[in-house]
Amino acid sequence: AKDAGKKKATFKVTVKKKAVTPAKPTTE
């Protein structure tokens, strides 16, 4: 808080690796 009381609030963020979508196979 920007006022004289300076109260705080915290928020925990857990970040996981972005799942890699396998490329769709094609035939040549």
mmCIF file of all heavy atoms, coordinates in Angstrom:
data_MODEL
# 
_entry.id   MODEL 
# 
loop_
_atom_site.group_PDB 
_atom_site.id 
_atom_site.type_symbol 
_atom_site.label_atom_id 
_atom_site.label_alt_id 
_atom_site.label_comp_id 
_atom_site.label_asym_id 
_atom_site.label_entity_id 
_atom_site.label_seq_id 
_atom_site.pdbx_PDB_ins_code 
_atom_site.Cartn_x 
_atom_site.Cartn_y 
_atom_site.Cartn_z 
_atom_site.occupancy 
_atom_site.B_iso_or_equiv 
_atom_site.pdbx_formal_charge 
_atom_site.auth_seq_id 
_atom_site.auth_comp_id 
_atom_site.auth_asym_id 
_atom_site.auth_atom_id 
_atom_site.pdbx_PDB_model_num 
ATOM 1   N N   . ALA A 1 1  ? 0.837  -1.199  0.000   1.00 0.00 ? 1  ALA A N   1 
ATOM 2   C CA  . ALA A 1 1  ? 0.000  0.000   0.000   1.00 0.00 ? 1  ALA A CA  1 
ATOM 3   C C   . ALA A 1 1  ? 0.873  1.250   0.000   1.00 0.00 ? 1  ALA A C   1 
ATOM 4   O O   . ALA A 1 1  ? 1.885  1.319   0.695   1.00 0.00 ? 1  ALA A O   1 
ATOM 5   C CB  . ALA A 1 1  ? -0.924 -0.007  1.213   1.00 0.00 ? 1  ALA A CB  1 
ATOM 6   N N   . LYS A 1 2  ? 0.477  2.244   -0.777  1.00 0.00 ? 2  LYS A N   1 
ATOM 7   C CA  . LYS A 1 2  ? 1.264  3.466   -0.895  1.00 0.00 ? 2  LYS A CA  1 
ATOM 8   C C   . LYS A 1 2  ? 1.062  4.418   0.285   1.00 0.00 ? 2  LYS A C   1 
ATOM 9   O O   . LYS A 1 2  ? 1.790  5.407   0.401   1.00 0.00 ? 2  LYS A O   1 
ATOM 10  C CB  . LYS A 1 2  ? 0.909  4.194   -2.192  1.00 0.00 ? 2  LYS A CB  1 
ATOM 11  C CG  . LYS A 1 2  ? 1.485  3.550   -3.441  1.00 0.00 ? 2  LYS A CG  1 
ATOM 12  C CD  . LYS A 1 2  ? 1.228  4.416   -4.660  1.00 0.00 ? 2  LYS A CD  1 
ATOM 13  C CE  . LYS A 1 2  ? 1.893  3.846   -5.905  1.00 0.00 ? 2  LYS A CE  1 
ATOM 14  N NZ  . LYS A 1 2  ? 1.682  4.709   -7.093  1.00 0.00 ? 2  LYS A NZ  1 
ATOM 15  N N   . ASP A 1 3  ? 0.087  4.142   1.155   1.00 0.00 ? 3  ASP A N   1 
ATOM 16  C CA  . ASP A 1 3  ? -0.158 5.060   2.266   1.00 0.00 ? 3  ASP A CA  1 
ATOM 17  C C   . ASP A 1 3  ? 0.845  4.825   3.392   1.00 0.00 ? 3  ASP A C   1 
ATOM 18  O O   . ASP A 1 3  ? 1.762  3.996   3.278   1.00 0.00 ? 3  ASP A O   1 
ATOM 19  C CB  . ASP A 1 3  ? -1.612 4.934   2.762   1.00 0.00 ? 3  ASP A CB  1 
ATOM 20  C CG  . ASP A 1 3  ? -1.924 3.556   3.347   1.00 0.00 ? 3  ASP A CG  1 
ATOM 21  O OD1 . ASP A 1 3  ? -0.978 2.796   3.638   1.00 0.00 ? 3  ASP A OD1 1 
ATOM 22  O OD2 . ASP A 1 3  ? -3.118 3.232   3.511   1.00 0.00 ? 3  ASP A OD2 1 
ATOM 23  N N   . ALA A 1 4  ? 0.666  5.545   4.480   1.00 0.00 ? 4  ALA A N   1 
ATOM 24  C CA  . ALA A 1 4  ? 1.620  5.494   5.585   1.00 0.00 ? 4  ALA A CA  1 
ATOM 25  C C   . ALA A 1 4  ? 1.649  4.148   6.295   1.00 0.00 ? 4  ALA A C   1 
ATOM 26  O O   . ALA A 1 4  ? 2.633  3.794   6.948   1.00 0.00 ? 4  ALA A O   1 
ATOM 27  C CB  . ALA A 1 4  ? 1.305  6.607   6.588   1.00 0.00 ? 4  ALA A CB  1 
ATOM 28  N N   . GLY A 1 5  ? 0.566  3.348   6.165   1.00 0.00 ? 5  GLY A N   1 
ATOM 29  C CA  . GLY A 1 5  ? 0.520  2.050   6.826   1.00 0.00 ? 5  GLY A CA  1 
ATOM 30  C C   . GLY A 1 5  ? 1.382  0.984   6.180   1.00 0.00 ? 5  GLY A C   1 
ATOM 31  O O   . GLY A 1 5  ? 1.830  0.045   6.824   1.00 0.00 ? 5  GLY A O   1 
ATOM 32  N N   . LYS A 1 6  ? 1.615  1.104   4.859   1.00 0.00 ? 6  LYS A N   1 
ATOM 33  C CA  . LYS A 1 6  ? 2.478  0.190   4.094   1.00 0.00 ? 6  LYS A CA  1 
ATOM 34  C C   . LYS A 1 6  ? 2.089  -1.282  4.261   1.00 0.00 ? 6  LYS A C   1 
ATOM 35  O O   . LYS A 1 6  ? 2.947  -2.157  4.343   1.00 0.00 ? 6  LYS A O   1 
ATOM 36  C CB  . LYS A 1 6  ? 3.947  0.374   4.487   1.00 0.00 ? 6  LYS A CB  1 
ATOM 37  C CG  . LYS A 1 6  ? 4.485  1.780   4.278   1.00 0.00 ? 6  LYS A CG  1 
ATOM 38  C CD  . LYS A 1 6  ? 4.457  2.171   2.818   1.00 0.00 ? 6  LYS A CD  1 
ATOM 39  C CE  . LYS A 1 6  ? 4.997  3.573   2.592   1.00 0.00 ? 6  LYS A CE  1 
ATOM 40  N NZ  . LYS A 1 6  ? 4.870  4.023   1.193   1.00 0.00 ? 6  LYS A NZ  1 
ATOM 41  N N   . LYS A 1 7  ? 0.789  -1.566  4.276   1.00 0.00 ? 7  LYS A N   1 
ATOM 42  C CA  . LYS A 1 7  ? 0.348  -2.950  4.347   1.00 0.00 ? 7  LYS A CA  1 
ATOM 43  C C   . LYS A 1 7  ? 0.762  -3.699  3.083   1.00 0.00 ? 7  LYS A C   1 
ATOM 44  O O   . LYS A 1 7  ? 0.822  -3.119  1.991   1.00 0.00 ? 7  LYS A O   1 
ATOM 45  C CB  . LYS A 1 7  ? -1.175 -3.023  4.514   1.00 0.00 ? 7  LYS A CB  1 
ATOM 46  C CG  . LYS A 1 7  ? -1.663 -2.759  5.917   1.00 0.00 ? 7  LYS A CG  1 
ATOM 47  C CD  . LYS A 1 7  ? -1.282 -3.918  6.844   1.00 0.00 ? 7  LYS A CD  1 
ATOM 48  C CE  . LYS A 1 7  ? -1.800 -3.663  8.264   1.00 0.00 ? 7  LYS A CE  1 
ATOM 49  N NZ  . LYS A 1 7  ? -1.421 -4.765  9.159   1.00 0.00 ? 7  LYS A NZ  1 
ATOM 50  N N   . LYS A 1 8  ? 1.037  -5.009  3.223   1.00 0.00 ? 8  LYS A N   1 
ATOM 51  C CA  . LYS A 1 8  ? 1.495  -5.812  2.095   1.00 0.00 ? 8  LYS A CA  1 
ATOM 52  C C   . LYS A 1 8  ? 0.557  -6.989  1.841   1.00 0.00 ? 8  LYS A C   1 
ATOM 53  O O   . LYS A 1 8  ? -0.081 -7.503  2.761   1.00 0.00 ? 8  LYS A O   1 
ATOM 54  C CB  . LYS A 1 8  ? 2.905  -6.354  2.350   1.00 0.00 ? 8  LYS A CB  1 
ATOM 55  C CG  . LYS A 1 8  ? 3.978  -5.293  2.467   1.00 0.00 ? 8  LYS A CG  1 
ATOM 56  C CD  . LYS A 1 8  ? 5.344  -5.922  2.731   1.00 0.00 ? 8  LYS A CD  1 
ATOM 57  C CE  . LYS A 1 8  ? 6.430  -4.884  2.941   1.00 0.00 ? 8  LYS A CE  1 
ATOM 58  N NZ  . LYS A 1 8  ? 6.753  -4.160  1.718   1.00 0.00 ? 8  LYS A NZ  1 
ATOM 59  N N   . ALA A 1 9  ? 0.513  -7.418  0.591   1.00 0.00 ? 9  ALA A N   1 
ATOM 60  C CA  . ALA A 1 9  ? -0.199 -8.638  0.206   1.00 0.00 ? 9  ALA A CA  1 
ATOM 61  C C   . ALA A 1 9  ? 0.725  -9.409  -0.731  1.00 0.00 ? 9  ALA A C   1 
ATOM 62  O O   . ALA A 1 9  ? 1.377  -8.820  -1.591  1.00 0.00 ? 9  ALA A O   1 
ATOM 63  C CB  . ALA A 1 9  ? -1.513 -8.316  -0.488  1.00 0.00 ? 9  ALA A CB  1 
ATOM 64  N N   . THR A 1 10 ? 0.796  -10.720 -0.562  1.00 0.00 ? 10 THR A N   1 
ATOM 65  C CA  . THR A 1 10 ? 1.684  -11.537 -1.397  1.00 0.00 ? 10 THR A CA  1 
ATOM 66  C C   . THR A 1 10 ? 0.878  -12.576 -2.173  1.00 0.00 ? 10 THR A C   1 
ATOM 67  O O   . THR A 1 10 ? -0.172 -13.044 -1.717  1.00 0.00 ? 10 THR A O   1 
ATOM 68  C CB  . THR A 1 10 ? 2.758  -12.248 -0.570  1.00 0.00 ? 10 THR A CB  1 
ATOM 69  O OG1 . THR A 1 10 ? 2.127  -13.074 0.421   1.00 0.00 ? 10 THR A OG1 1 
ATOM 70  C CG2 . THR A 1 10 ? 3.671  -11.234 0.110   1.00 0.00 ? 10 THR A CG2 1 
ATOM 71  N N   . PHE A 1 11 ? 1.411  -12.920 -3.346  1.00 0.00 ? 11 PHE A N   1 
ATOM 72  C CA  . PHE A 1 11 ? 0.753  -13.888 -4.220  1.00 0.00 ? 11 PHE A CA  1 
ATOM 73  C C   . PHE A 1 11 ? 1.827  -14.806 -4.790  1.00 0.00 ? 11 PHE A C   1 
ATOM 74  O O   . PHE A 1 11 ? 2.766  -14.355 -5.445  1.00 0.00 ? 11 PHE A O   1 
ATOM 75  C CB  . PHE A 1 11 ? 0.015  -13.163 -5.356  1.00 0.00 ? 11 PHE A CB  1 
ATOM 76  C CG  . PHE A 1 11 ? -0.920 -14.032 -6.136  1.00 0.00 ? 11 PHE A CG  1 
ATOM 77  C CD1 . PHE A 1 11 ? -2.243 -14.169 -5.761  1.00 0.00 ? 11 PHE A CD1 1 
ATOM 78  C CD2 . PHE A 1 11 ? -0.477 -14.726 -7.259  1.00 0.00 ? 11 PHE A CD2 1 
ATOM 79  C CE1 . PHE A 1 11 ? -3.119 -14.970 -6.476  1.00 0.00 ? 11 PHE A CE1 1 
ATOM 80  C CE2 . PHE A 1 11 ? -1.337 -15.528 -7.984  1.00 0.00 ? 11 PHE A CE2 1 
ATOM 81  C CZ  . PHE A 1 11 ? -2.669 -15.655 -7.594  1.00 0.00 ? 11 PHE A CZ  1 
ATOM 82  N N   . LYS A 1 12 ? 1.704  -16.102 -4.518  1.00 0.00 ? 12 LYS A N   1 
ATOM 83  C CA  . LYS A 1 12 ? 2.704  -17.083 -4.969  1.00 0.00 ? 12 LYS A CA  1 
ATOM 84  C C   . LYS A 1 12 ? 2.321  -17.631 -6.346  1.00 0.00 ? 12 LYS A C   1 
ATOM 85  O O   . LYS A 1 12 ? 1.204  -18.098 -6.546  1.00 0.00 ? 12 LYS A O   1 
ATOM 86  C CB  . LYS A 1 12 ? 2.809  -18.235 -3.961  1.00 0.00 ? 12 LYS A CB  1 
ATOM 87  C CG  . LYS A 1 12 ? 3.865  -19.265 -4.318  1.00 0.00 ? 12 LYS A CG  1 
ATOM 88  C CD  . LYS A 1 12 ? 3.900  -20.384 -3.267  1.00 0.00 ? 12 LYS A CD  1 
ATOM 89  C CE  . LYS A 1 12 ? 4.926  -21.445 -3.639  1.00 0.00 ? 12 LYS A CE  1 
ATOM 90  N NZ  . LYS A 1 12 ? 4.952  -22.545 -2.633  1.00 0.00 ? 12 LYS A NZ  1 
ATOM 91  N N   . VAL A 1 13 ? 3.267  -17.561 -7.269  1.00 0.00 ? 13 VAL A N   1 
ATOM 92  C CA  . VAL A 1 13 ? 3.044  -18.053 -8.628  1.00 0.00 ? 13 VAL A CA  1 
ATOM 93  C C   . VAL A 1 13 ? 4.006  -19.209 -8.908  1.00 0.00 ? 13 VAL A C   1 
ATOM 94  O O   . VAL A 1 13 ? 5.220  -19.054 -8.793  1.00 0.00 ? 13 VAL A O   1 
ATOM 95  C CB  . VAL A 1 13 ? 3.248  -16.950 -9.678  1.00 0.00 ? 13 VAL A CB  1 
ATOM 96  C CG1 . VAL A 1 13 ? 2.916  -17.473 -11.076 1.00 0.00 ? 13 VAL A CG1 1 
ATOM 97  C CG2 . VAL A 1 13 ? 2.401  -15.727 -9.355  1.00 0.00 ? 13 VAL A CG2 1 
ATOM 98  N N   . THR A 1 14 ? 3.454  -20.350 -9.245  1.00 0.00 ? 14 THR A N   1 
ATOM 99  C CA  . THR A 1 14 ? 4.261  -21.504 -9.660  1.00 0.00 ? 14 THR A CA  1 
ATOM 100 C C   . THR A 1 14 ? 4.163  -21.606 -11.173 1.00 0.00 ? 14 THR A C   1 
ATOM 101 O O   . THR A 1 14 ? 3.061  -21.748 -11.725 1.00 0.00 ? 14 THR A O   1 
ATOM 102 C CB  . THR A 1 14 ? 3.755  -22.804 -9.011  1.00 0.00 ? 14 THR A CB  1 
ATOM 103 O OG1 . THR A 1 14 ? 3.817  -22.668 -7.581  1.00 0.00 ? 14 THR A OG1 1 
ATOM 104 C CG2 . THR A 1 14 ? 4.611  -23.983 -9.435  1.00 0.00 ? 14 THR A CG2 1 
ATOM 105 N N   . VAL A 1 15 ? 5.303  -21.497 -11.826 1.00 0.00 ? 15 VAL A N   1 
ATOM 106 C CA  . VAL A 1 15 ? 5.337  -21.508 -13.294 1.00 0.00 ? 15 VAL A CA  1 
ATOM 107 C C   . VAL A 1 15 ? 5.905  -22.841 -13.767 1.00 0.00 ? 15 VAL A C   1 
ATOM 108 O O   . VAL A 1 15 ? 7.000  -23.236 -13.379 1.00 0.00 ? 15 VAL A O   1 
ATOM 109 C CB  . VAL A 1 15 ? 6.195  -20.353 -13.843 1.00 0.00 ? 15 VAL A CB  1 
ATOM 110 C CG1 . VAL A 1 15 ? 6.111  -20.323 -15.366 1.00 0.00 ? 15 VAL A CG1 1 
ATOM 111 C CG2 . VAL A 1 15 ? 5.737  -19.018 -13.258 1.00 0.00 ? 15 VAL A CG2 1 
ATOM 112 N N   . LYS A 1 16 ? 5.135  -23.525 -14.592 1.00 0.00 ? 16 LYS A N   1 
ATOM 113 C CA  . LYS A 1 16 ? 5.579  -24.801 -15.149 1.00 0.00 ? 16 LYS A CA  1 
ATOM 114 C C   . LYS A 1 16 ? 6.024  -24.619 -16.601 1.00 0.00 ? 16 LYS A C   1 
ATOM 115 O O   . LYS A 1 16 ? 5.601  -23.680 -17.272 1.00 0.00 ? 16 LYS A O   1 
ATOM 116 C CB  . LYS A 1 16 ? 4.447  -25.837 -15.079 1.00 0.00 ? 16 LYS A CB  1 
ATOM 117 C CG  . LYS A 1 16 ? 4.087  -26.241 -13.660 1.00 0.00 ? 16 LYS A CG  1 
ATOM 118 C CD  . LYS A 1 16 ? 3.054  -27.360 -13.661 1.00 0.00 ? 16 LYS A CD  1 
ATOM 119 C CE  . LYS A 1 16 ? 2.762  -27.842 -12.247 1.00 0.00 ? 16 LYS A CE  1 
ATOM 120 N NZ  . LYS A 1 16 ? 1.774  -28.959 -12.248 1.00 0.00 ? 16 LYS A NZ  1 
ATOM 121 N N   . LYS A 1 17 ? 6.867  -25.534 -17.037 1.00 0.00 ? 17 LYS A N   1 
ATOM 122 C CA  . LYS A 1 17 ? 7.322  -25.473 -18.422 1.00 0.00 ? 17 LYS A CA  1 
ATOM 123 C C   . LYS A 1 17 ? 6.139  -25.620 -19.371 1.00 0.00 ? 17 LYS A C   1 
ATOM 124 O O   . LYS A 1 17 ? 5.224  -26.403 -19.121 1.00 0.00 ? 17 LYS A O   1 
ATOM 125 C CB  . LYS A 1 17 ? 8.334  -26.589 -18.699 1.00 0.00 ? 17 LYS A CB  1 
ATOM 126 C CG  . LYS A 1 17 ? 9.703  -26.354 -18.094 1.00 0.00 ? 17 LYS A CG  1 
ATOM 127 C CD  . LYS A 1 17 ? 10.661 -27.459 -18.504 1.00 0.00 ? 17 LYS A CD  1 
ATOM 128 C CE  . LYS A 1 17 ? 12.050 -27.208 -17.926 1.00 0.00 ? 17 LYS A CE  1 
ATOM 129 N NZ  . LYS A 1 17 ? 12.999 -28.279 -18.310 1.00 0.00 ? 17 LYS A NZ  1 
ATOM 130 N N   . LYS A 1 18 ? 6.210  -24.864 -20.443 1.00 0.00 ? 18 LYS A N   1 
ATOM 131 C CA  . LYS A 1 18 ? 5.148  -24.943 -21.436 1.00 0.00 ? 18 LYS A CA  1 
ATOM 132 C C   . LYS A 1 18 ? 5.240  -26.270 -22.161 1.00 0.00 ? 18 LYS A C   1 
ATOM 133 O O   . LYS A 1 18 ? 6.301  -26.666 -22.635 1.00 0.00 ? 18 LYS A O   1 
ATOM 134 C CB  . LYS A 1 18 ? 5.278  -23.789 -22.430 1.00 0.00 ? 18 LYS A CB  1 
ATOM 135 C CG  . LYS A 1 18 ? 4.093  -23.652 -23.371 1.00 0.00 ? 18 LYS A CG  1 
ATOM 136 C CD  . LYS A 1 18 ? 4.238  -22.415 -24.236 1.00 0.00 ? 18 LYS A CD  1 
ATOM 137 C CE  . LYS A 1 18 ? 3.030  -22.231 -25.138 1.00 0.00 ? 18 LYS A CE  1 
ATOM 138 N NZ  . LYS A 1 18 ? 3.161  -21.004 -25.977 1.00 0.00 ? 18 LYS A NZ  1 
ATOM 139 N N   . ALA A 1 19 ? 4.115  -26.968 -22.197 1.00 0.00 ? 19 ALA A N   1 
ATOM 140 C CA  . ALA A 1 19 ? 4.100  -28.267 -22.862 1.00 0.00 ? 19 ALA A CA  1 
ATOM 141 C C   . ALA A 1 19 ? 4.389  -28.096 -24.347 1.00 0.00 ? 19 ALA A C   1 
ATOM 142 O O   . ALA A 1 19 ? 3.814  -27.222 -25.007 1.00 0.00 ? 19 ALA A O   1 
ATOM 143 C CB  . ALA A 1 19 ? 2.741  -28.936 -22.674 1.00 0.00 ? 19 ALA A CB  1 
ATOM 144 N N   . VAL A 1 20 ? 5.308  -28.888 -24.829 1.00 0.00 ? 20 VAL A N   1 
ATOM 145 C CA  . VAL A 1 20 ? 5.673  -28.825 -26.245 1.00 0.00 ? 20 VAL A CA  1 
ATOM 146 C C   . VAL A 1 20 ? 4.752  -29.761 -27.026 1.00 0.00 ? 20 VAL A C   1 
ATOM 147 O O   . VAL A 1 20 ? 4.737  -30.972 -26.795 1.00 0.00 ? 20 VAL A O   1 
ATOM 148 C CB  . VAL A 1 20 ? 7.147  -29.232 -26.459 1.00 0.00 ? 20 VAL A CB  1 
ATOM 149 C CG1 . VAL A 1 20 ? 7.486  -29.196 -27.937 1.00 0.00 ? 20 VAL A CG1 1 
ATOM 150 C CG2 . VAL A 1 20 ? 8.060  -28.314 -25.670 1.00 0.00 ? 20 VAL A CG2 1 
ATOM 151 N N   . THR A 1 21 ? 4.005  -29.185 -27.914 1.00 0.00 ? 21 THR A N   1 
ATOM 152 C CA  . THR A 1 21 ? 3.117  -29.992 -28.750 1.00 0.00 ? 21 THR A CA  1 
ATOM 153 C C   . THR A 1 21 ? 3.926  -30.617 -29.866 1.00 0.00 ? 21 THR A C   1 
ATOM 154 O O   . THR A 1 21 ? 4.558  -29.908 -30.656 1.00 0.00 ? 21 THR A O   1 
ATOM 155 C CB  . THR A 1 21 ? 2.000  -29.115 -29.359 1.00 0.00 ? 21 THR A CB  1 
ATOM 156 O OG1 . THR A 1 21 ? 1.293  -28.468 -28.309 1.00 0.00 ? 21 THR A OG1 1 
ATOM 157 C CG2 . THR A 1 21 ? 1.049  -29.964 -30.180 1.00 0.00 ? 21 THR A CG2 1 
ATOM 158 N N   . PRO A 1 22 ? 3.961  -31.933 -29.898 1.00 0.00 ? 22 PRO A N   1 
ATOM 159 C CA  . PRO A 1 22 ? 4.762  -32.571 -30.943 1.00 0.00 ? 22 PRO A CA  1 
ATOM 160 C C   . PRO A 1 22 ? 4.250  -32.217 -32.335 1.00 0.00 ? 22 PRO A C   1 
ATOM 161 O O   . PRO A 1 22 ? 3.040  -32.116 -32.558 1.00 0.00 ? 22 PRO A O   1 
ATOM 162 C CB  . PRO A 1 22 ? 4.596  -34.064 -30.647 1.00 0.00 ? 22 PRO A CB  1 
ATOM 163 C CG  . PRO A 1 22 ? 3.348  -34.167 -29.841 1.00 0.00 ? 22 PRO A CG  1 
ATOM 164 C CD  . PRO A 1 22 ? 3.252  -32.900 -29.064 1.00 0.00 ? 22 PRO A CD  1 
ATOM 165 N N   . ALA A 1 23 ? 5.182  -32.008 -33.210 1.00 0.00 ? 23 ALA A N   1 
ATOM 166 C CA  . ALA A 1 23 ? 4.806  -31.666 -34.580 1.00 0.00 ? 23 ALA A CA  1 
ATOM 167 C C   . ALA A 1 23 ? 4.057  -32.829 -35.221 1.00 0.00 ? 23 ALA A C   1 
ATOM 168 O O   . ALA A 1 23 ? 4.391  -33.999 -34.994 1.00 0.00 ? 23 ALA A O   1 
ATOM 169 C CB  . ALA A 1 23 ? 6.053  -31.335 -35.388 1.00 0.00 ? 23 ALA A CB  1 
ATOM 170 N N   . LYS A 1 24 ? 3.052  -32.505 -35.967 1.00 0.00 ? 24 LYS A N   1 
ATOM 171 C CA  . LYS A 1 24 ? 2.254  -33.527 -36.623 1.00 0.00 ? 24 LYS A CA  1 
ATOM 172 C C   . LYS A 1 24 ? 3.054  -34.135 -37.768 1.00 0.00 ? 24 LYS A C   1 
ATOM 173 O O   . LYS A 1 24 ? 3.519  -33.432 -38.654 1.00 0.00 ? 24 LYS A O   1 
ATOM 174 C CB  . LYS A 1 24 ? 0.959  -32.911 -37.159 1.00 0.00 ? 24 LYS A CB  1 
ATOM 175 C CG  . LYS A 1 24 ? -0.016 -33.940 -37.697 1.00 0.00 ? 24 LYS A CG  1 
ATOM 176 C CD  . LYS A 1 24 ? -1.301 -33.265 -38.143 1.00 0.00 ? 24 LYS A CD  1 
ATOM 177 C CE  . LYS A 1 24 ? -2.288 -34.314 -38.674 1.00 0.00 ? 24 LYS A CE  1 
ATOM 178 N NZ  . LYS A 1 24 ? -3.556 -33.667 -39.122 1.00 0.00 ? 24 LYS A NZ  1 
ATOM 179 N N   . PRO A 1 25 ? 3.239  -35.462 -37.717 1.00 0.00 ? 25 PRO A N   1 
ATOM 180 C CA  . PRO A 1 25 ? 4.038  -36.088 -38.774 1.00 0.00 ? 25 PRO A CA  1 
ATOM 181 C C   . PRO A 1 25 ? 3.308  -36.099 -40.112 1.00 0.00 ? 25 PRO A C   1 
ATOM 182 O O   . PRO A 1 25 ? 2.082  -36.244 -40.171 1.00 0.00 ? 25 PRO A O   1 
ATOM 183 C CB  . PRO A 1 25 ? 4.259  -37.505 -38.247 1.00 0.00 ? 25 PRO A CB  1 
ATOM 184 C CG  . PRO A 1 25 ? 3.103  -37.763 -37.339 1.00 0.00 ? 25 PRO A CG  1 
ATOM 185 C CD  . PRO A 1 25 ? 2.761  -36.437 -36.729 1.00 0.00 ? 25 PRO A CD  1 
ATOM 186 N N   . THR A 1 26 ? 4.047  -35.932 -41.151 1.00 0.00 ? 26 THR A N   1 
ATOM 187 C CA  . THR A 1 26 ? 3.504  -36.014 -42.506 1.00 0.00 ? 26 THR A CA  1 
ATOM 188 C C   . THR A 1 26 ? 4.406  -36.928 -43.325 1.00 0.00 ? 26 THR A C   1 
ATOM 189 O O   . THR A 1 26 ? 5.556  -37.177 -42.970 1.00 0.00 ? 26 THR A O   1 
ATOM 190 C CB  . THR A 1 26 ? 3.436  -34.627 -43.168 1.00 0.00 ? 26 THR A CB  1 
ATOM 191 O OG1 . THR A 1 26 ? 4.770  -34.077 -43.239 1.00 0.00 ? 26 THR A OG1 1 
ATOM 192 C CG2 . THR A 1 26 ? 2.555  -33.681 -42.387 1.00 0.00 ? 26 THR A CG2 1 
ATOM 193 N N   . THR A 1 27 ? 3.887  -37.421 -44.407 1.00 0.00 ? 27 THR A N   1 
ATOM 194 C CA  . THR A 1 27 ? 4.677  -38.298 -45.272 1.00 0.00 ? 27 THR A CA  1 
ATOM 195 C C   . THR A 1 27 ? 5.059  -37.562 -46.551 1.00 0.00 ? 27 THR A C   1 
ATOM 196 O O   . THR A 1 27 ? 4.288  -36.751 -47.072 1.00 0.00 ? 27 THR A O   1 
ATOM 197 C CB  . THR A 1 27 ? 3.910  -39.579 -45.622 1.00 0.00 ? 27 THR A CB  1 
ATOM 198 O OG1 . THR A 1 27 ? 2.672  -39.230 -46.252 1.00 0.00 ? 27 THR A OG1 1 
ATOM 199 C CG2 . THR A 1 27 ? 3.636  -40.392 -44.370 1.00 0.00 ? 27 THR A CG2 1 
ATOM 200 N N   . GLU A 1 28 ? 6.245  -37.856 -47.012 1.00 0.00 ? 28 GLU A N   1 
ATOM 201 C CA  . GLU A 1 28 ? 6.733  -37.307 -48.278 1.00 0.00 ? 28 GLU A CA  1 
ATOM 202 C C   . GLU A 1 28 ? 7.135  -38.473 -49.177 1.00 0.00 ? 28 GLU A C   1 
ATOM 203 O O   . GLU A 1 28 ? 7.829  -39.394 -48.725 1.00 0.00 ? 28 GLU A O   1 
ATOM 204 C CB  . GLU A 1 28 ? 7.941  -36.406 -48.046 1.00 0.00 ? 28 GLU A CB  1 
ATOM 205 C CG  . GLU A 1 28 ? 7.653  -35.149 -47.256 1.00 0.00 ? 28 GLU A CG  1 
ATOM 206 C CD  . GLU A 1 28 ? 8.921  -34.329 -47.004 1.00 0.00 ? 28 GLU A CD  1 
ATOM 207 O OE1 . GLU A 1 28 ? 10.038 -34.861 -47.248 1.00 0.00 ? 28 GLU A OE1 1 
ATOM 208 O OE2 . GLU A 1 28 ? 8.785  -33.175 -46.571 1.00 0.00 ? 28 GLU A OE2 1 
# 
